[in-house]
Amino acid sequence: MRTKNLRKSKSKLFEHRIVTVDRVTKVVKGGKKMSFRAILVVGDKKGKVGVGVGKASEIKIAIQKGLTNGRGNIILIPLTNTNSIPHLTMGKFKASQLILRPSAPGSGVIAGSSIRTVLEMAGIKNILSKRLGSNNLLNNARATIEGLSKLKPLKEQRKNV
């Protein structure tokens, strides 16, 4: 009984935002089978974020699967006092590339498409980004996660210098 309460409280910690819901088809022997693919970003706006994908024949089920997938792919991001990232980083996933660089307080999130969604759900408030290569929403979101996962806290950086 107690574990059920913990699970409920754990799921309330994370917010989610839907990036896109696409209708996809698969060609089978009898014709075309239609289904839906939902891309979601899950985060607590305090340094934890994940990207999830769900596929199902109904939109609601696809979103639920995406939420479950996103909660399983959560990463922890070191944030500075100004809600920015500690240093410049690059992310790459397949053909998508991006550059993330810390910004001055008050500049806001300067990013587009799914990159902005991932950064906002992570709790980053001051950052500059530049997307290079593909404009695929899913690959850009995963490239952002990959770039953010490379970040190291300022304390670790000072030890290496």
C-alpha atoms as a PDB file:
ATOM      1  CA  MET A   1       0.000   0.000   0.000  1.00  0.00           C
ATOM      2  CA  ARG A   2       2.793   2.386   0.847  1.00  0.00           C
ATOM      3  CA  THR A   3       4.632   1.847  -2.445  1.00  0.00           C
ATOM      4  CA  LYS A   4       1.555   2.951  -4.389  1.00  0.00           C
ATOM      5  CA  ASN A   5       1.583   6.300  -2.577  1.00  0.00           C
ATOM      6  CA  LEU A   6       5.275   6.747  -3.351  1.00  0.00           C
ATOM      7  CA  ARG A   7       4.698   6.041  -7.020  1.00  0.00           C
ATOM      8  CA  LYS A   8       1.919   8.594  -7.215  1.00  0.00           C
ATOM      9  CA  SER A   9       3.977  11.287  -5.496  1.00  0.00           C
ATOM     10  CA  LYS A  10       6.973  10.497  -7.715  1.00  0.00           C
ATOM     11  CA  SER A  11       4.974  10.977 -10.900  1.00  0.00           C
ATOM     12  CA  LYS A  12       3.662  14.347  -9.695  1.00  0.00           C
ATOM     13  CA  LEU A  13       7.212  15.696  -9.388  1.00  0.00           C
ATOM     14  CA  PHE A  14       7.636  15.654 -13.159  1.00  0.00           C
ATOM     15  CA  GLU A  15       5.773  17.799 -15.629  1.00  0.00           C
ATOM     16  CA  HIS A  16       5.480  16.884 -19.280  1.00  0.00           C
ATOM     17  CA  ARG A  17       5.108  18.763 -22.508  1.00  0.00           C
ATOM     18  CA  ILE A  18       4.092  17.244 -25.826  1.00  0.00           C
ATOM     19  CA  VAL A  19       6.464  18.141 -28.657  1.00  0.00           C
ATOM     20  CA  THR A  20       4.431  16.535 -31.431  1.00  0.00           C
ATOM     21  CA  VAL A  21       1.900  13.835 -32.206  1.00  0.00           C
ATOM     22  CA  ASP A  22       2.280  12.392 -35.700  1.00  0.00           C
ATOM     23  CA  ARG A  23       0.112   9.981 -37.624  1.00  0.00           C
ATOM     24  CA  VAL A  24       2.295   7.237 -39.081  1.00  0.00           C
ATOM     25  CA  THR A  25       1.421   4.367 -41.392  1.00  0.00           C
ATOM     26  CA  LYS A  26       2.830   0.911 -41.870  1.00  0.00           C
ATOM     27  CA  VAL A  27       2.198  -1.013 -45.078  1.00  0.00           C
ATOM     28  CA  VAL A  28       1.008  -4.538 -44.367  1.00  0.00           C
ATOM     29  CA  LYS A  29      -0.470  -7.316 -46.498  1.00  0.00           C
ATOM     30  CA  GLY A  30      -4.038  -6.046 -46.158  1.00  0.00           C
ATOM     31  CA  GLY A  31      -3.195  -2.395 -46.828  1.00  0.00           C
ATOM     32  CA  LYS A  32      -2.002   0.430 -44.577  1.00  0.00           C
ATOM     33  CA  LYS A  33      -2.108   0.264 -40.799  1.00  0.00           C
ATOM     34  CA  MET A  34      -2.306   3.721 -39.186  1.00  0.00           C
ATOM     35  CA  SER A  35      -0.968   4.534 -35.737  1.00  0.00           C
ATOM     36  CA  PHE A  36       0.221   7.564 -33.766  1.00  0.00           C
ATOM     37  CA  ARG A  37       3.667   8.549 -32.504  1.00  0.00           C
ATOM     38  CA  ALA A  38       3.935  10.975 -29.600  1.00  0.00           C
ATOM     39  CA  ILE A  39       7.172  12.743 -28.655  1.00  0.00           C
ATOM     40  CA  LEU A  40       7.199  14.119 -25.102  1.00  0.00           C
ATOM     41  CA  VAL A  41       9.642  15.905 -22.844  1.00  0.00           C
ATOM     42  CA  VAL A  42       9.458  15.097 -19.124  1.00  0.00           C
ATOM     43  CA  GLY A  43      11.175  17.263 -16.495  1.00  0.00           C
ATOM     44  CA  ASP A  44      10.982  18.812 -13.050  1.00  0.00           C
ATOM     45  CA  LYS A  45      12.382  22.259 -14.050  1.00  0.00           C
ATOM     46  CA  LYS A  46      15.139  21.775 -11.452  1.00  0.00           C
ATOM     47  CA  GLY A  47      17.795  19.957 -13.479  1.00  0.00           C
ATOM     48  CA  LYS A  48      16.136  16.657 -14.401  1.00  0.00           C
ATOM     49  CA  VAL A  49      14.852  16.035 -17.936  1.00  0.00           C
ATOM     50  CA  GLY A  50      14.120  13.164 -20.319  1.00  0.00           C
ATOM     51  CA  VAL A  51      12.720  12.603 -23.813  1.00  0.00           C
ATOM     52  CA  GLY A  52      10.182   9.861 -24.464  1.00  0.00           C
ATOM     53  CA  VAL A  53       8.529   8.369 -27.541  1.00  0.00           C
ATOM     54  CA  GLY A  54       5.337   6.353 -27.569  1.00  0.00           C
ATOM     55  CA  LYS A  55       3.560   4.600 -30.443  1.00  0.00           C
ATOM     56  CA  ALA A  56       0.012   3.258 -30.350  1.00  0.00           C
ATOM     57  CA  SER A  57      -3.188   3.054 -32.354  1.00  0.00           C
ATOM     58  CA  GLU A  58      -4.768   5.757 -30.148  1.00  0.00           C
ATOM     59  CA  ILE A  59      -3.335   9.159 -29.258  1.00  0.00           C
ATOM     60  CA  LYS A  60      -4.004   8.878 -25.523  1.00  0.00           C
ATOM     61  CA  ILE A  61      -2.216   5.539 -25.239  1.00  0.00           C
ATOM     62  CA  ALA A  62       0.721   6.845 -27.306  1.00  0.00           C
ATOM     63  CA  ILE A  63       1.082   9.792 -24.898  1.00  0.00           C
ATOM     64  CA  GLN A  64       0.990   7.475 -21.862  1.00  0.00           C
ATOM     65  CA  LYS A  65       3.674   5.257 -23.413  1.00  0.00           C
ATOM     66  CA  GLY A  66       5.773   8.347 -24.174  1.00  0.00           C
ATOM     67  CA  LEU A  67       5.480   9.502 -20.551  1.00  0.00           C
ATOM     68  CA  THR A  68       6.633   6.131 -19.275  1.00  0.00           C
ATOM     69  CA  ASN A  69       9.522   6.109 -21.747  1.00  0.00           C
ATOM     70  CA  GLY A  70      10.502   9.683 -20.860  1.00  0.00           C
ATOM     71  CA  ARG A  71      10.544   8.972 -17.111  1.00  0.00           C
ATOM     72  CA  GLY A  72      12.881   6.059 -17.777  1.00  0.00           C
ATOM     73  CA  ASN A  73      15.348   8.236 -19.726  1.00  0.00           C
ATOM     74  CA  ILE A  74      15.823  11.044 -17.168  1.00  0.00           C
ATOM     75  CA  ILE A  75      19.248  12.681 -16.868  1.00  0.00           C
ATOM     76  CA  LEU A  76      20.555  15.082 -14.217  1.00  0.00           C
ATOM     77  CA  ILE A  77      21.951  18.430 -15.364  1.00  0.00           C
ATOM     78  CA  PRO A  78      24.248  20.682 -13.312  1.00  0.00           C
ATOM     79  CA  LEU A  79      22.799  24.217 -13.214  1.00  0.00           C
ATOM     80  CA  THR A  80      24.537  27.437 -12.175  1.00  0.00           C
ATOM     81  CA  ASN A  81      23.153  30.059  -9.782  1.00  0.00           C
ATOM     82  CA  THR A  82      21.792  31.998 -12.777  1.00  0.00           C
ATOM     83  CA  ASN A  83      19.879  28.941 -14.097  1.00  0.00           C
ATOM     84  CA  SER A  84      22.295  28.465 -16.965  1.00  0.00           C
ATOM     85  CA  ILE A  85      24.750  25.727 -17.905  1.00  0.00           C
ATOM     86  CA  PRO A  86      28.304  25.765 -16.509  1.00  0.00           C
ATOM     87  CA  HIS A  87      30.168  25.655 -19.842  1.00  0.00           C
ATOM     88  CA  LEU A  88      29.822  25.397 -23.622  1.00  0.00           C
ATOM     89  CA  THR A  89      28.846  21.984 -24.955  1.00  0.00           C
ATOM     90  CA  MET A  90      27.928  20.325 -28.227  1.00  0.00           C
ATOM     91  CA  GLY A  91      25.363  17.620 -28.851  1.00  0.00           C
ATOM     92  CA  LYS A  92      25.102  15.227 -31.772  1.00  0.00           C
ATOM     93  CA  PHE A  93      22.515  12.589 -32.564  1.00  0.00           C
ATOM     94  CA  LYS A  94      22.499  11.080 -36.057  1.00  0.00           C
ATOM     95  CA  ALA A  95      22.377  14.044 -38.508  1.00  0.00           C
ATOM     96  CA  SER A  96      21.349  16.608 -35.856  1.00  0.00           C
ATOM     97  CA  GLN A  97      24.017  18.757 -34.258  1.00  0.00           C
ATOM     98  CA  LEU A  98      23.728  21.678 -31.887  1.00  0.00           C
ATOM     99  CA  ILE A  99      25.808  24.048 -29.817  1.00  0.00           C
ATOM    100  CA  LEU A 100      24.710  25.051 -26.311  1.00  0.00           C
ATOM    101  CA  ARG A 101      26.455  27.975 -24.654  1.00  0.00           C
ATOM    102  CA  PRO A 102      25.841  29.681 -21.316  1.00  0.00           C
ATOM    103  CA  SER A 103      24.298  33.129 -21.416  1.00  0.00           C
ATOM    104  CA  ALA A 104      24.081  36.227 -19.240  1.00  0.00           C
ATOM    105  CA  PRO A 105      21.271  36.476 -16.680  1.00  0.00           C
ATOM    106  CA  GLY A 106      18.097  37.902 -18.177  1.00  0.00           C
ATOM    107  CA  SER A 107      18.803  36.837 -21.763  1.00  0.00           C
ATOM    108  CA  GLY A 108      16.301  33.958 -21.666  1.00  0.00           C
ATOM    109  CA  VAL A 109      16.182  30.731 -23.635  1.00  0.00           C
ATOM    110  CA  ILE A 110      17.309  31.467 -27.174  1.00  0.00           C
ATOM    111  CA  ALA A 111      16.454  28.232 -28.963  1.00  0.00           C
ATOM    112  CA  GLY A 112      13.875  26.879 -31.340  1.00  0.00           C
ATOM    113  CA  SER A 113      11.677  23.839 -31.876  1.00  0.00           C
ATOM    114  CA  SER A 114      12.126  20.843 -29.582  1.00  0.00           C
ATOM    115  CA  ILE A 115      15.430  22.183 -28.239  1.00  0.00           C
ATOM    116  CA  ARG A 116      13.568  24.993 -26.435  1.00  0.00           C
ATOM    117  CA  THR A 117      11.114  22.513 -24.923  1.00  0.00           C
ATOM    118  CA  VAL A 118      13.900  20.298 -23.541  1.00  0.00           C
ATOM    119  CA  LEU A 119      15.802  23.282 -22.095  1.00  0.00           C
ATOM    120  CA  GLU A 120      12.707  24.793 -20.458  1.00  0.00           C
ATOM    121  CA  MET A 121      11.653  21.475 -18.909  1.00  0.00           C
ATOM    122  CA  ALA A 122      15.192  21.109 -17.513  1.00  0.00           C
ATOM    123  CA  GLY A 123      14.839  24.455 -15.715  1.00  0.00           C
ATOM    124  CA  ILE A 124      17.415  26.321 -17.782  1.00  0.00           C
ATOM    125  CA  LYS A 125      16.498  29.996 -18.052  1.00  0.00           C
ATOM    126  CA  ASN A 126      19.554  31.617 -19.685  1.00  0.00           C
ATOM    127  CA  ILE A 127      21.132  29.858 -22.666  1.00  0.00           C
ATOM    128  CA  LEU A 128      22.063  30.350 -26.304  1.00  0.00           C
ATOM    129  CA  SER A 129      21.733  27.505 -28.790  1.00  0.00           C
ATOM    130  CA  LYS A 130      22.433  26.978 -32.455  1.00  0.00           C
ATOM    131  CA  ARG A 131      20.976  24.064 -34.379  1.00  0.00           C
ATOM    132  CA  LEU A 132      23.115  22.617 -37.173  1.00  0.00           C
ATOM    133  CA  GLY A 133      22.190  19.897 -39.611  1.00  0.00           C
ATOM    134  CA  SER A 134      18.794  18.216 -39.498  1.00  0.00           C
ATOM    135  CA  ASN A 135      15.522  19.837 -38.413  1.00  0.00           C
ATOM    136  CA  ASN A 136      13.982  16.526 -37.260  1.00  0.00           C
ATOM    137  CA  LEU A 137      12.203  17.214 -33.939  1.00  0.00           C
ATOM    138  CA  LEU A 138      13.024  13.888 -32.288  1.00  0.00           C
ATOM    139  CA  ASN A 139      16.692  13.877 -33.323  1.00  0.00           C
ATOM    140  CA  ASN A 140      17.118  17.504 -32.170  1.00  0.00           C
ATOM    141  CA  ALA A 141      15.586  16.676 -28.776  1.00  0.00           C
ATOM    142  CA  ARG A 142      17.889  13.673 -28.389  1.00  0.00           C
ATOM    143  CA  ALA A 143      20.908  15.741 -29.490  1.00  0.00           C
ATOM    144  CA  THR A 144      20.004  18.278 -26.790  1.00  0.00           C
ATOM    145  CA  ILE A 145      19.841  15.526 -24.165  1.00  0.00           C
ATOM    146  CA  GLU A 146      23.177  14.181 -25.387  1.00  0.00           C
ATOM    147  CA  GLY A 147      24.768  17.644 -25.167  1.00  0.00           C
ATOM    148  CA  LEU A 148      23.346  18.295 -21.697  1.00  0.00           C
ATOM    149  CA  SER A 149      24.559  14.908 -20.448  1.00  0.00           C
ATOM    150  CA  LYS A 150      28.160  15.949 -21.260  1.00  0.00           C
ATOM    151  CA  LEU A 151      28.000  18.852 -18.790  1.00  0.00           C
ATOM    152  CA  LYS A 152      30.184  18.796 -15.686  1.00  0.00           C
ATOM    153  CA  PRO A 153      29.659  20.913 -12.558  1.00  0.00           C
ATOM    154  CA  LEU A 154      31.941  23.943 -12.054  1.00  0.00           C
ATOM    155  CA  LYS A 155      33.658  22.260  -9.093  1.00  0.00           C
ATOM    156  CA  GLU A 156      34.816  19.342 -11.266  1.00  0.00           C
ATOM    157  CA  GLN A 157      36.022  21.697 -13.997  1.00  0.00           C
ATOM    158  CA  ARG A 158      38.165  23.667 -11.518  1.00  0.00           C
ATOM    159  CA  LYS A 159      39.822  20.435 -10.309  1.00  0.00           C
ATOM    160  CA  ASN A 160      40.811  19.509 -13.891  1.00  0.00           C
ATOM    161  CA  VAL A 161      42.432  22.901 -14.620  1.00  0.00           C
END
